[in-house]
Protein backbone atom coordinates (compact mmCIF):
# COMPACT_ATOMS: atom_id res chain seq x y z
CA MET A 1 -2.02 96.60 107.28
CA ALA A 2 -3.16 97.03 103.68
CA TYR A 3 -1.97 94.07 102.92
CA SER A 4 -2.65 91.96 105.75
CA PHE A 5 -6.72 91.52 104.59
CA PRO A 6 -8.42 89.55 101.32
CA GLU A 7 -9.72 92.33 98.89
CA GLU A 8 -13.42 90.97 99.76
CA VAL A 9 -12.87 91.30 103.22
CA LEU A 10 -11.61 95.08 102.89
CA GLU A 11 -14.78 95.51 100.49
CA HIS A 12 -16.71 94.36 102.79
CA VAL A 13 -15.67 96.21 105.61
CA PHE A 14 -15.53 99.63 104.29
CA SER A 15 -19.44 99.19 102.96
CA PHE A 16 -19.99 100.14 106.51
CA LEU A 17 -18.57 103.59 106.12
CA SER A 18 -21.72 105.38 104.90
CA SER A 19 -19.82 108.95 105.64
CA GLU A 20 -18.60 110.21 102.31
CA LYS A 21 -15.91 111.69 104.95
CA ASP A 22 -15.03 108.71 105.94
CA ARG A 23 -14.64 106.58 102.32
CA ASN A 24 -12.66 109.24 101.38
CA SER A 25 -10.49 109.56 104.08
CA VAL A 26 -9.92 105.69 103.72
CA SER A 27 -9.16 106.37 99.57
CA LEU A 28 -6.32 107.72 101.00
CA VAL A 29 -4.19 105.45 103.17
CA CYS A 30 -2.32 103.55 100.51
CA ARG A 31 -2.66 102.93 96.81
CA SER A 32 -4.18 99.34 97.27
CA TRP A 33 -6.85 100.83 99.71
CA TYR A 34 -7.58 103.43 97.26
CA GLU A 35 -8.14 101.00 94.01
CA ILE A 36 -10.37 98.70 96.09
CA GLU A 37 -12.79 101.63 98.02
CA ARG A 38 -12.75 103.34 94.26
CA TRP A 39 -14.49 100.36 92.82
CA CYS A 40 -16.72 99.67 95.66
CA ARG A 41 -18.26 102.69 96.29
CA ARG A 42 -21.55 102.51 95.46
CA ARG A 43 -22.44 105.79 96.31
CA ILE A 44 -21.53 109.29 95.08
CA PHE A 45 -22.07 113.23 96.26
CA VAL A 46 -21.52 115.88 94.27
CA GLY A 47 -21.59 118.90 96.09
CA ASN A 48 -21.29 121.72 93.24
CA CYS A 49 -21.70 120.55 89.57
CA TYR A 50 -19.32 122.58 87.71
CA ALA A 51 -16.48 121.28 90.54
CA VAL A 52 -16.17 118.02 88.71
CA SER A 53 -17.08 116.45 85.09
CA PRO A 54 -19.11 113.59 84.82
CA GLN A 55 -16.17 111.94 82.83
CA ILE A 56 -13.44 112.59 85.40
CA VAL A 57 -16.53 110.73 88.36
CA ILE A 58 -17.57 108.59 86.20
CA ARG A 59 -13.05 106.99 85.95
CA ARG A 60 -12.47 107.67 89.49
CA PHE A 61 -15.50 105.17 90.39
CA PRO A 62 -16.63 102.86 87.71
CA LYS A 63 -19.50 100.90 90.08
CA VAL A 64 -21.75 103.53 91.21
CA ARG A 65 -25.79 102.71 91.87
CA ALA A 66 -26.57 106.56 93.70
CA VAL A 67 -25.96 109.86 92.30
CA GLU A 68 -26.66 113.23 94.48
CA MET A 69 -25.33 116.39 92.98
CA LYS A 70 -26.23 119.94 93.77
CA GLY A 71 -26.23 123.04 90.94
CA LYS A 72 -27.19 126.99 91.58
CA PRO A 73 -25.97 128.46 94.87
CA HIS A 74 -27.78 128.50 98.20
CA PHE A 75 -28.93 132.05 97.00
CA ALA A 76 -30.68 131.02 94.05
CA ASP A 77 -33.49 130.50 96.68
CA PHE A 78 -33.60 134.18 97.52
CA ASN A 79 -33.70 135.34 93.84
CA LEU A 80 -30.37 136.09 93.69
CA VAL A 81 -29.43 133.72 91.04
CA PRO A 82 -30.27 135.18 87.85
CA GLU A 83 -32.27 133.46 85.45
CA GLY A 84 -30.64 131.11 82.81
CA TRP A 85 -27.21 130.66 85.21
CA GLY A 86 -27.08 126.89 84.09
CA ALA A 87 -26.85 123.80 86.40
CA TYR A 88 -27.89 121.89 83.72
CA VAL A 89 -28.05 118.19 84.86
CA HIS A 90 -28.09 116.60 80.44
CA PRO A 91 -24.52 115.65 79.89
CA TRP A 92 -24.44 114.66 84.16
CA ILE A 93 -27.45 111.81 82.77
CA LYS A 94 -25.71 111.79 79.24
CA ALA A 95 -22.56 110.41 80.88
CA MET A 96 -23.97 107.62 83.04
CA SER A 97 -26.61 106.30 81.03
CA SER A 98 -23.36 104.43 78.89
CA ALA A 99 -21.51 104.24 81.95
CA TYR A 100 -23.75 103.73 84.54
CA PRO A 101 -26.63 101.13 82.99
CA PHE A 102 -26.89 99.78 86.98
CA LEU A 103 -28.08 102.93 87.97
CA GLU A 104 -30.85 102.83 90.93
CA GLU A 105 -30.54 106.46 92.47
CA ILE A 106 -30.69 110.38 90.95
CA LYS A 107 -31.00 112.86 93.77
CA LEU A 108 -30.59 116.30 92.11
CA LYS A 109 -31.42 119.63 93.94
CA ARG A 110 -31.56 122.98 92.24
CA MET A 111 -30.64 122.36 89.56
CA VAL A 112 -32.62 122.86 85.59
CA VAL A 113 -34.23 119.11 84.37
CA THR A 114 -35.37 118.27 80.92
CA ASP A 115 -37.86 116.29 79.32
CA GLU A 116 -34.99 114.74 77.39
CA SER A 117 -33.15 114.36 81.08
CA LEU A 118 -35.98 112.54 82.09
CA GLU A 119 -36.43 110.21 78.79
CA LEU A 120 -33.30 109.26 79.17
CA ILE A 121 -33.31 108.07 82.33
CA ALA A 122 -36.05 106.28 81.76
CA ARG A 123 -35.05 104.02 78.65
CA SER A 124 -31.20 103.92 80.17
CA PHE A 125 -31.68 102.57 83.51
CA LYS A 126 -33.67 99.56 83.68
CA ASN A 127 -33.86 99.35 87.78
CA PHE A 128 -34.03 102.75 88.33
CA LYS A 129 -35.85 103.20 92.03
CA VAL A 130 -35.28 106.61 92.98
CA LEU A 131 -35.72 110.17 91.72
CA VAL A 132 -35.40 112.85 94.09
CA LEU A 133 -35.41 117.07 92.21
CA SER A 134 -35.42 119.45 94.99
CA SER A 135 -35.97 122.86 93.60
CA CYS A 136 -35.43 122.05 90.22
CA GLU A 137 -36.29 123.38 86.84
CA GLY A 138 -37.04 123.01 83.16
CA PHE A 139 -39.06 120.22 83.43
CA THR A 140 -43.46 118.89 82.37
CA THR A 141 -45.54 116.36 83.23
CA ASP A 142 -44.50 114.75 80.01
CA GLY A 143 -41.58 113.71 81.22
CA LEU A 144 -42.89 112.48 84.37
CA ALA A 145 -44.95 110.69 82.63
CA SER A 146 -41.91 109.28 80.67
CA ILE A 147 -41.18 108.18 84.38
CA ALA A 148 -43.66 106.52 85.13
CA ALA A 149 -44.30 104.49 82.45
CA ASN A 150 -40.98 103.36 82.26
CA CYS A 151 -39.08 102.26 85.52
CA ARG A 152 -41.23 99.46 86.73
CA ASN A 153 -39.08 99.53 89.37
CA LEU A 154 -39.88 102.85 91.33
CA LYS A 155 -39.72 102.70 94.11
CA GLU A 156 -39.52 107.18 95.57
CA LEU A 157 -40.60 109.83 93.26
CA ASP A 158 -40.08 113.03 95.47
CA LEU A 159 -40.17 116.51 93.37
CA ARG A 160 -40.20 118.55 96.26
CA ASP A 161 -40.08 122.59 95.71
CA SER A 162 -39.51 122.20 92.63
CA ASP A 163 -41.23 124.54 89.59
CA VAL A 164 -42.51 121.47 86.97
CA GLU A 165 -44.60 122.39 83.91
CA ASP A 166 -48.64 121.24 84.29
CA LEU A 167 -49.17 120.12 81.08
CA SER A 168 -51.32 117.05 81.62
CA GLY A 169 -52.98 115.84 85.35
CA HIS A 170 -52.95 112.38 83.79
CA TRP A 171 -48.76 111.75 83.43
CA LEU A 172 -50.08 109.32 86.72
CA SER A 173 -52.29 107.46 84.45
CA HIS A 174 -49.02 106.01 83.42
CA PHE A 175 -47.95 103.80 85.85
CA PRO A 176 -48.99 100.14 84.16
CA ASP A 177 -51.39 98.20 85.81
CA ASN A 178 -48.61 95.80 87.46
CA CYS A 179 -46.81 98.61 89.25
CA THR A 180 -46.85 97.97 92.95
CA SER A 181 -43.63 98.96 93.78
CA LEU A 182 -44.03 102.63 95.29
CA VAL A 183 -43.04 103.95 98.69
CA SER A 184 -42.70 107.53 98.20
CA LEU A 185 -44.33 110.35 96.03
CA ASN A 186 -44.19 113.71 96.47
CA ILE A 187 -46.28 115.75 94.14
CA SER A 188 -46.61 118.75 96.71
CA CYS A 189 -44.96 121.76 94.16
CA LEU A 190 -47.51 120.85 91.10
CA GLY A 191 -49.93 123.77 90.29
CA SER A 192 -52.42 121.89 88.18
CA GLU A 193 -54.54 119.10 89.20
CA VAL A 194 -54.03 115.38 88.63
CA SER A 195 -56.05 112.35 87.78
CA PHE A 196 -57.91 112.12 90.99
CA SER A 197 -58.65 107.92 89.86
CA ALA A 198 -55.39 107.30 88.66
CA LEU A 199 -53.40 108.60 92.60
CA GLU A 200 -56.33 106.64 93.73
CA ARG A 201 -55.61 102.81 92.09
CA LEU A 202 -51.52 103.94 92.25
CA VAL A 203 -52.07 103.94 96.10
CA GLY A 204 -54.23 100.98 96.33
CA ARG A 205 -52.16 98.90 94.63
CA CYS A 206 -49.33 99.83 96.16
CA PRO A 207 -49.11 97.91 99.66
CA ASN A 208 -45.74 99.12 101.03
CA PHE A 209 -47.01 102.82 100.53
CA ARG A 210 -45.14 105.02 103.16
CA THR A 211 -44.99 108.66 102.38
CA LEU A 212 -47.91 110.44 100.20
CA ARG A 213 -47.53 114.10 99.97
CA LEU A 214 -50.23 116.07 97.63
CA ASN A 215 -50.60 118.88 96.58
CA ARG A 216 -53.14 122.15 96.91
CA ALA A 217 -55.80 120.43 94.49
CA VAL A 218 -56.39 117.26 96.08
CA PRO A 219 -60.04 118.06 97.56
CA LEU A 220 -60.23 117.73 101.48
CA GLU A 221 -63.68 115.51 100.76
CA LYS A 222 -61.68 112.82 99.08
CA LEU A 223 -58.41 112.68 101.39
CA HIS A 224 -60.43 110.14 103.34
CA ASN A 225 -60.55 107.41 100.06
CA LEU A 226 -56.60 107.56 100.06
CA ILE A 227 -55.88 107.14 103.44
CA HIS A 228 -58.16 104.44 103.59
CA HIS A 229 -55.95 102.50 100.88
CA ALA A 230 -52.56 103.45 103.02
CA PRO A 231 -53.73 103.55 106.48
CA GLN A 232 -50.01 101.89 106.96
CA LEU A 233 -48.72 105.50 105.85
CA VAL A 234 -45.80 107.09 107.94
CA GLU A 235 -46.16 110.51 105.97
CA LEU A 236 -48.78 112.13 104.66
CA GLY A 237 -48.89 115.48 103.53
CA THR A 238 -52.54 116.63 102.51
CA GLY A 239 -53.88 118.64 99.92
CA ALA A 240 -56.37 121.87 100.36
CA TYR A 241 -57.70 121.80 103.67
CA SER A 242 -61.06 122.66 102.95
CA ALA A 243 -65.12 122.35 102.26
CA GLU A 244 -68.39 123.43 102.72
CA ILE A 245 -68.98 122.03 106.78
CA ARG A 246 -70.59 119.02 106.06
CA SER A 247 -70.84 116.12 109.26
CA ASP A 248 -69.93 113.47 106.73
CA ILE A 249 -67.07 115.04 105.66
CA PHE A 250 -65.64 115.12 109.16
CA SER A 251 -67.00 112.07 109.70
CA ASN A 252 -65.00 110.28 106.95
CA LEU A 253 -61.62 112.14 108.07
CA ALA A 254 -61.79 111.23 111.60
CA ASP A 255 -63.11 107.72 110.46
CA ALA A 256 -59.38 108.04 108.10
CA PHE A 257 -57.15 109.44 110.43
CA SER A 258 -58.09 107.26 113.11
CA VAL A 259 -56.38 103.59 111.08
CA CYS A 260 -53.36 105.67 110.58
CA LYS A 261 -51.65 103.89 113.65
CA GLN A 262 -48.05 104.61 111.74
CA LEU A 263 -48.09 108.15 111.16
CA LYS A 264 -45.25 109.98 112.01
CA GLY A 265 -45.00 112.84 109.65
CA ILE A 266 -47.66 115.28 108.33
CA SER A 267 -47.89 118.72 105.93
CA GLY A 268 -49.75 120.47 103.64
CA PHE A 269 -52.90 122.12 105.26
CA TRP A 270 -53.85 124.34 102.40
CA ASP A 271 -56.47 126.71 102.75
CA VAL A 272 -57.59 125.25 106.48
CA VAL A 273 -61.63 126.02 107.46
CA PRO A 274 -61.06 125.22 111.24
CA ALA A 275 -63.82 123.09 112.15
CA TYR A 276 -61.81 120.60 110.11
CA LEU A 277 -58.70 120.63 112.69
CA PRO A 278 -59.97 118.07 115.16
CA ALA A 279 -60.65 114.91 111.99
CA MET A 280 -56.69 114.69 112.22
CA TYR A 281 -56.47 115.11 116.57
CA SER A 282 -56.61 111.53 116.78
CA VAL A 283 -53.11 111.11 115.03
CA CYS A 284 -50.88 113.65 116.75
CA SER A 285 -49.66 111.17 119.98
CA GLY A 286 -47.89 109.91 117.59
CA ILE A 287 -46.69 112.26 115.27
CA THR A 288 -42.73 113.76 115.27
CA SER A 289 -42.33 115.74 112.19
CA LEU A 290 -45.57 118.58 111.89
CA ASN A 291 -44.78 121.24 108.96
CA LEU A 292 -47.08 124.07 108.70
CA SER A 293 -45.57 126.15 106.80
CA TYR A 294 -47.71 126.38 104.30
CA ALA A 295 -51.50 126.13 106.77
CA THR A 296 -52.59 129.96 107.25
CA ILE A 297 -53.54 128.41 110.94
CA GLN A 298 -54.25 130.92 113.78
CA SER A 299 -52.47 130.72 117.04
CA PRO A 300 -55.29 129.39 119.53
CA ASP A 301 -56.24 126.16 116.84
CA LEU A 302 -51.87 125.47 116.85
CA VAL A 303 -51.77 125.81 120.07
CA LYS A 304 -54.09 122.97 120.29
CA ILE A 305 -52.63 121.06 117.88
CA VAL A 306 -48.95 121.04 119.69
CA SER A 307 -50.44 120.40 123.20
CA LEU A 308 -51.61 117.24 121.57
CA CYS A 309 -48.26 116.38 119.80
CA ARG A 310 -45.78 115.73 123.51
CA ARG A 311 -43.18 112.95 120.59
CA LEU A 312 -42.58 116.29 118.12
CA GLN A 313 -39.12 116.33 116.68
CA SER A 314 -39.39 118.70 113.78
CA LEU A 315 -42.10 121.69 113.89
CA LEU A 316 -42.00 124.00 110.87
CA VAL A 317 -44.53 126.55 110.84
CA LEU A 318 -45.83 130.17 109.75
CA ASP A 319 -45.32 133.41 112.47
CA TYR A 320 -49.22 132.77 112.53
CA ILE A 321 -47.99 130.57 115.74
CA GLU A 322 -46.83 133.97 117.87
CA ASP A 323 -45.05 133.81 121.03
CA ALA A 324 -48.16 132.18 122.50
CA GLY A 325 -47.96 129.39 119.84
CA LEU A 326 -44.08 128.42 120.88
CA ASP A 327 -44.69 129.08 124.62
CA ALA A 328 -47.39 126.03 124.80
CA VAL A 329 -44.34 124.14 122.47
CA ALA A 330 -42.29 124.72 125.13
CA THR A 331 -44.31 123.71 127.45
CA TYR A 332 -45.32 119.77 125.57
CA CYS A 333 -42.76 119.56 122.98
CA LYS A 334 -40.21 118.47 125.17
CA ASP A 335 -38.31 116.26 121.85
CA LEU A 336 -38.25 118.90 119.86
CA GLU A 337 -34.98 119.07 117.90
CA GLU A 338 -35.57 121.66 114.89
CA LEU A 339 -37.85 124.93 114.96
CA ARG A 340 -38.20 126.96 111.37
CA VAL A 341 -40.98 129.81 111.64
CA PHE A 342 -41.67 131.73 108.54
CA PRO A 343 -42.90 135.01 107.56
CA SER A 344 -46.56 134.94 106.21
CA ASP A 345 -46.30 139.08 105.93
CA PRO A 346 -42.72 139.35 104.83
CA PHE A 347 -43.01 142.30 102.71
CA GLY A 348 -45.67 144.09 105.17
CA ALA A 349 -44.36 147.39 106.95
CA ASP A 350 -46.02 146.68 109.87
CA PRO A 351 -46.20 143.37 112.34
CA ASN A 352 -49.59 141.27 111.74
CA VAL A 353 -48.59 138.83 114.13
CA ALA A 354 -47.74 139.23 117.79
CA LEU A 355 -44.45 136.90 117.27
CA THR A 356 -41.25 138.70 119.10
CA GLU A 357 -37.12 137.41 120.31
CA GLN A 358 -39.36 136.20 123.54
CA GLY A 359 -40.93 133.00 121.64
CA LEU A 360 -37.68 132.12 120.47
CA VAL A 361 -36.49 132.77 124.16
CA SER A 362 -39.43 130.26 125.39
CA VAL A 363 -38.48 127.40 123.36
CA SER A 364 -35.14 127.34 123.86
CA GLU A 365 -35.97 127.33 127.65
CA GLY A 366 -38.49 124.62 127.73
CA CYS A 367 -36.91 122.46 124.55
CA PRO A 368 -33.62 120.28 125.58
CA LYS A 369 -33.01 118.85 122.31
CA LEU A 370 -33.28 121.88 120.19
CA GLN A 371 -30.73 122.00 118.30
CA SER A 372 -31.09 123.70 114.87
CA VAL A 373 -33.70 127.00 114.47
CA LEU A 374 -34.43 129.01 111.83
CA TYR A 375 -36.66 131.83 113.03
CA PHE A 376 -38.12 134.86 110.90
CA CYS A 377 -38.77 137.84 113.34
CA ARG A 378 -38.88 141.71 112.80
CA GLN A 379 -36.95 142.58 116.26
CA MET A 380 -34.37 140.27 118.72
CA SER A 381 -32.74 141.65 121.40
CA ASN A 382 -28.84 141.00 122.26
CA ALA A 383 -30.12 139.72 125.93
CA ALA A 384 -32.16 137.41 123.74
CA LEU A 385 -29.84 135.43 122.01
CA VAL A 386 -27.59 135.60 124.77
CA THR A 387 -29.88 133.62 126.97
CA ILE A 388 -30.79 131.12 123.78
CA ALA A 389 -27.19 130.49 123.88
CA ARG A 390 -27.07 129.96 127.28
CA ASN A 391 -29.64 127.84 127.14
CA ARG A 392 -29.16 125.69 124.33
CA PRO A 393 -25.04 125.25 123.63
CA ASN A 394 -26.12 122.08 122.15
CA MET A 395 -27.30 124.26 119.10
CA ILE A 396 -25.77 123.02 115.68
CA ARG A 397 -27.75 125.33 113.05
CA PHE A 398 -28.81 128.59 114.02
CA ARG A 399 -30.12 131.00 110.80
CA LEU A 400 -32.00 134.08 112.30
CA CYS A 401 -33.42 136.28 110.10
CA ILE A 402 -34.74 139.85 110.51
CA ILE A 403 -37.39 140.86 108.35
CA GLU A 404 -35.56 144.77 108.75
CA PRO A 405 -31.52 144.67 106.86
CA ARG A 406 -29.43 146.51 109.80
CA ALA A 407 -32.00 146.63 112.75
CA PRO A 408 -30.47 146.89 115.77
CA ASP A 409 -30.99 145.59 119.25
CA TYR A 410 -34.60 147.33 119.55
CA SER A 411 -34.19 147.90 123.11
CA THR A 412 -30.52 149.23 123.32
CA LEU A 413 -30.70 150.59 119.48
CA GLU A 414 -27.27 148.64 119.92
CA PRO A 415 -25.34 146.45 117.09
CA LEU A 416 -25.80 142.71 118.03
CA ASP A 417 -22.93 141.57 118.06
CA THR A 418 -22.70 140.45 121.56
CA GLY A 419 -24.98 138.51 121.25
CA PHE A 420 -24.03 136.48 118.24
CA GLY A 421 -21.32 136.28 119.77
CA ALA A 422 -22.40 133.94 122.66
CA ILE A 423 -24.02 132.36 120.20
CA VAL A 424 -20.34 131.13 118.71
CA GLU A 425 -18.96 131.48 122.23
CA ASN A 426 -21.67 128.75 123.95
CA CYS A 427 -22.19 126.29 120.88
CA ARG A 428 -19.12 124.81 120.07
CA ASP A 429 -20.89 122.27 117.67
CA LEU A 430 -22.11 125.00 115.48
CA ARG A 431 -22.14 124.21 111.80
CA ARG A 432 -24.19 126.74 110.21
CA LEU A 433 -25.19 130.35 111.19
CA SER A 434 -27.31 132.95 109.38
CA MET A 435 -27.06 136.73 110.23
CA SER A 436 -28.91 139.61 110.45
CA GLY A 437 -29.45 142.65 111.87
CA LEU A 438 -26.87 145.71 112.64
CA LEU A 439 -23.53 143.83 113.08
CA THR A 440 -20.19 145.23 113.15
CA ASP A 441 -16.96 143.94 112.23
CA ARG A 442 -16.47 142.73 116.01
CA VAL A 443 -18.79 140.07 115.57
CA PHE A 444 -16.69 138.82 113.00
CA GLU A 445 -13.98 138.81 115.02
CA TYR A 446 -15.81 136.91 117.55
CA ILE A 447 -16.94 134.07 114.77
CA GLY A 448 -13.70 133.91 113.38
CA THR A 449 -12.18 132.82 116.82
CA ARG A 450 -14.48 130.83 118.33
CA ALA A 451 -16.69 129.13 115.64
CA LYS A 452 -13.74 126.33 114.90
CA LYS A 453 -16.67 123.99 114.03
CA LEU A 454 -18.39 126.35 111.16
CA GLU A 455 -19.11 125.12 107.81
CA MET A 456 -21.36 127.45 106.49
CA LEU A 457 -22.23 130.82 106.95
CA SER A 458 -24.73 133.53 105.39
CA ILE A 459 -23.97 137.28 105.93
CA ALA A 460 -26.28 140.26 104.53
CA PHE A 461 -25.99 143.54 105.48
CA ALA A 462 -23.57 143.12 107.80
CA GLY A 463 -20.26 144.77 109.20
CA ASP A 464 -18.21 147.64 108.25
CA SER A 465 -14.85 146.78 106.46
CA ASP A 466 -12.89 144.47 104.56
CA LEU A 467 -11.55 143.42 108.17
CA GLY A 468 -14.60 141.51 108.69
CA LEU A 469 -14.42 139.28 106.21
CA HIS A 470 -10.76 139.25 107.16
CA HIS A 471 -11.63 137.41 110.51
CA VAL A 472 -13.96 134.64 108.88
CA LEU A 473 -11.76 133.53 106.42
CA SER A 474 -8.67 133.43 108.85
CA GLY A 475 -10.28 132.02 111.25
CA CYS A 476 -12.61 129.43 110.82
CA GLU A 477 -10.86 126.54 110.36
CA SER A 478 -13.60 124.02 109.22
CA LEU A 479 -15.34 126.25 107.16
CA ARG A 480 -16.98 125.21 103.70
CA LYS A 481 -19.86 127.90 101.81
CA LEU A 482 -19.66 130.88 102.24
CA GLU A 483 -22.22 133.22 101.35
CA ILE A 484 -22.63 137.48 101.73
CA ARG A 485 -24.51 140.00 100.15
CA ASP A 486 -24.90 143.53 100.58
CA CYS A 487 -21.75 143.87 102.64
CA PRO A 488 -18.63 145.97 102.57
CA PHE A 489 -16.19 143.88 102.06
CA GLY A 490 -13.61 143.76 98.81
CA ASP A 491 -10.61 143.06 97.42
CA LYS A 492 -8.32 143.13 100.34
CA ALA A 493 -9.28 141.15 102.61
CA LEU A 494 -10.11 138.31 99.11
CA LEU A 495 -6.60 138.20 98.15
CA ALA A 496 -4.58 138.02 101.70
CA ASN A 497 -6.92 134.71 102.25
CA ALA A 498 -7.03 133.37 98.98
CA ALA A 499 -5.53 129.85 99.65
CA LYS A 500 -8.12 129.66 102.11
CA LEU A 501 -10.53 129.44 99.07
CA ALA A 502 -9.02 126.64 97.67
CA THR A 503 -10.27 124.83 100.61
CA MET A 504 -13.46 125.70 100.78
CA ARG A 505 -16.80 124.36 98.75
CA SER A 506 -17.95 128.24 96.98
CA LEU A 507 -17.76 131.57 97.94
CA TRP A 508 -21.25 133.47 96.40
CA MET A 509 -20.37 137.35 96.95
CA SER A 510 -23.05 139.83 95.74
CA SER A 511 -23.46 143.96 95.78
CA CYS A 512 -20.54 143.55 97.75
CA LEU A 513 -16.67 145.86 96.99
CA VAL A 514 -15.01 143.20 95.12
CA SER A 515 -13.33 145.07 91.99
CA LEU A 516 -12.73 143.12 88.75
CA GLY A 517 -8.82 143.95 89.35
CA ALA A 518 -8.73 141.57 92.31
CA CYS A 519 -11.19 139.09 90.79
CA LYS A 520 -7.88 138.73 87.81
CA ILE A 521 -5.47 138.64 89.82
CA LEU A 522 -7.47 135.96 92.58
CA ALA A 523 -7.50 133.91 89.49
CA ARG A 524 -3.65 133.75 88.58
CA LYS A 525 -3.19 133.24 91.85
CA MET A 526 -5.00 130.28 92.72
CA PRO A 527 -5.62 128.51 89.51
CA ARG A 528 -7.78 125.70 91.16
CA LEU A 529 -10.14 128.07 91.24
CA ASN A 530 -13.15 128.96 88.63
CA VAL A 531 -13.55 133.29 89.75
CA GLU A 532 -16.82 133.01 87.68
CA VAL A 533 -18.24 136.93 87.03
CA ILE A 534 -21.56 136.98 86.58
CA ASP A 535 -22.83 140.87 85.73
CA GLU A 536 -26.14 141.74 83.94
CA ARG A 537 -24.86 145.54 82.82
CA GLY A 538 -22.20 143.84 80.34
CA HIS A 539 -18.93 142.75 79.40
CA PRO A 540 -17.33 143.75 83.06
CA ASP A 541 -14.20 145.24 80.13
CA SER A 542 -16.23 147.40 79.31
CA ARG A 543 -15.65 149.19 83.33
CA PRO A 544 -11.97 149.73 85.01
CA GLU A 545 -11.18 147.45 86.20
CA SER A 546 -11.04 149.14 90.13
CA CYS A 547 -15.33 149.31 89.59
CA PRO A 548 -16.95 146.49 91.65
CA VAL A 549 -18.56 143.84 89.91
CA GLU A 550 -22.18 143.40 90.86
CA LYS A 551 -21.56 139.39 91.78
CA LEU A 552 -19.13 136.62 91.68
CA TYR A 553 -19.18 133.26 92.87
CA ILE A 554 -15.48 131.51 93.93
CA TYR A 555 -15.42 127.53 93.68
CA ARG A 556 -12.60 124.58 93.28
CA THR A 557 -12.63 122.14 90.94
CA VAL A 558 -10.96 119.88 88.91
CA ALA A 559 -12.99 120.51 85.78
CA GLY A 560 -11.43 123.44 84.56
CA PRO A 561 -13.67 126.22 83.09
CA ARG A 562 -17.50 125.93 82.60
CA VAL A 563 -18.53 125.14 78.95
CA ASP A 564 -22.16 126.15 79.63
CA MET A 565 -21.56 129.39 80.61
CA PRO A 566 -24.56 132.24 79.46
CA ALA A 567 -23.76 135.57 78.58
CA PHE A 568 -24.02 137.75 81.39
CA ILE A 569 -21.33 135.18 83.29
CA TRP A 570 -17.29 135.44 82.66
CA THR A 571 -14.50 132.90 83.60
CA MET A 572 -11.76 134.90 84.68
CA ASP A 573 -8.72 133.68 82.67
CA LYS A 574 -5.88 132.68 84.48
CA ASP A 575 -3.74 134.15 81.69
CA ASP A 576 -5.31 137.51 81.52
CA PRO A 577 -2.93 140.51 82.38
CA VAL A 578 -3.90 142.56 84.93
CA SER A 579 -4.13 146.29 84.40
């Protein structure tokens, strides 16, 4: 069959495969398909920038047009990865600049990007169209100015959640006057003012603008000017939503929103003055995505907004929404698929809002399409989790973050094993799970037995012994990423399930009980794994091998040990003797 069609036909057929998994499967059918697929692969995804080298990727896929790559482990989002850990993109950009002259897209997450890298991108790829830097760091507005000035076909520039050093607000003026290609611009992470005149000219001359996410420094009284220049917007992120109360500002804003007939997503709303919220009510009926995760809007105003958003599919909001607001979501938002509720005061000793488990129970009862949840709260019960699991067996992502570590069922003071057990038993398609609260080894037995499709698991302050980790590693057949902190998991389970680690993308453990000796044994046993010990106290050999390591990062690789390790990281040598 492999030889029954001309190569051109197979290339055309393969072009319809958008899934990386499907493309990989095709390449394993036979040698002929492998060669055809590698020459026609245009997009690649690298889930860990240290799992493979740029040279290996370039040899395998010589005609790539789009690259997506991740760097630091996910726990970097919680400040658990030390400063200076790595994930430098420049070696990749340097290699691709000569190998991929027709590269059009680069999407990076949790990577260190320098101005030098941005300048090299701007010089090297003449038809460059898309740059997405998500949770990245290391660059300044000077680097962005190079992109603006030289990437003449740029369609998307997205800086979401990145740490950018603002050297000048005038970098937007570097877009040439004949630049009309921009479709999407996200500058919401920038801390200082941008040149509003340059921004207004840019938006005005790009007729295909669909997404515009502004930063906090863009004043409310100027927002209507931008909207009038781009009434075709599909997604809008406002700047600061505050100003002295004036009727002309309100009427200008209301008129501007009224012409946005295609608006589907809205975000921003920093520093909200509630009196201006009715100005945006006219667009609510068409909104499918509402991101208010930075908006200090109180529950009564949120209730009004969600009651108007009958087509809402995704809601990100602070816990100011309270149980009453989530009751309104359950009543009015029947198409809701994703809910994320973030804490407004995570370090406060006492609750500052009336948000409990009941709000999530209500949404699970009222929103039949709900399949993705991230929920920060201060109390939870087994009964609530069992109800949620029974209401929403279609859940594929469930992340519960109880703010107080090891908090039990508040009504019975029992562990939350039964509740999370119900989640994995009823939600058979669950792909991602984050757990918190008082949990014993029993819940990990449930997970290992029932969560057969689970791909990513995050655990904190949980478990009794090594048995918990053993249940997970030996039972979760589809597990790709496992991240653990402050759990009593140690050597025995890790070494007994060493072969499982070779099938996963990565394992992160911090403040656990894995010893240096076990790390050395694992490295010798599994030479295709990089076993990295991260310890800011000094060289781990200065302590007994039985001493637990501070942090451990294990990942499979075909590139060998890293060459850019800082002084606090040690890769366990495959030939290192164990005492």
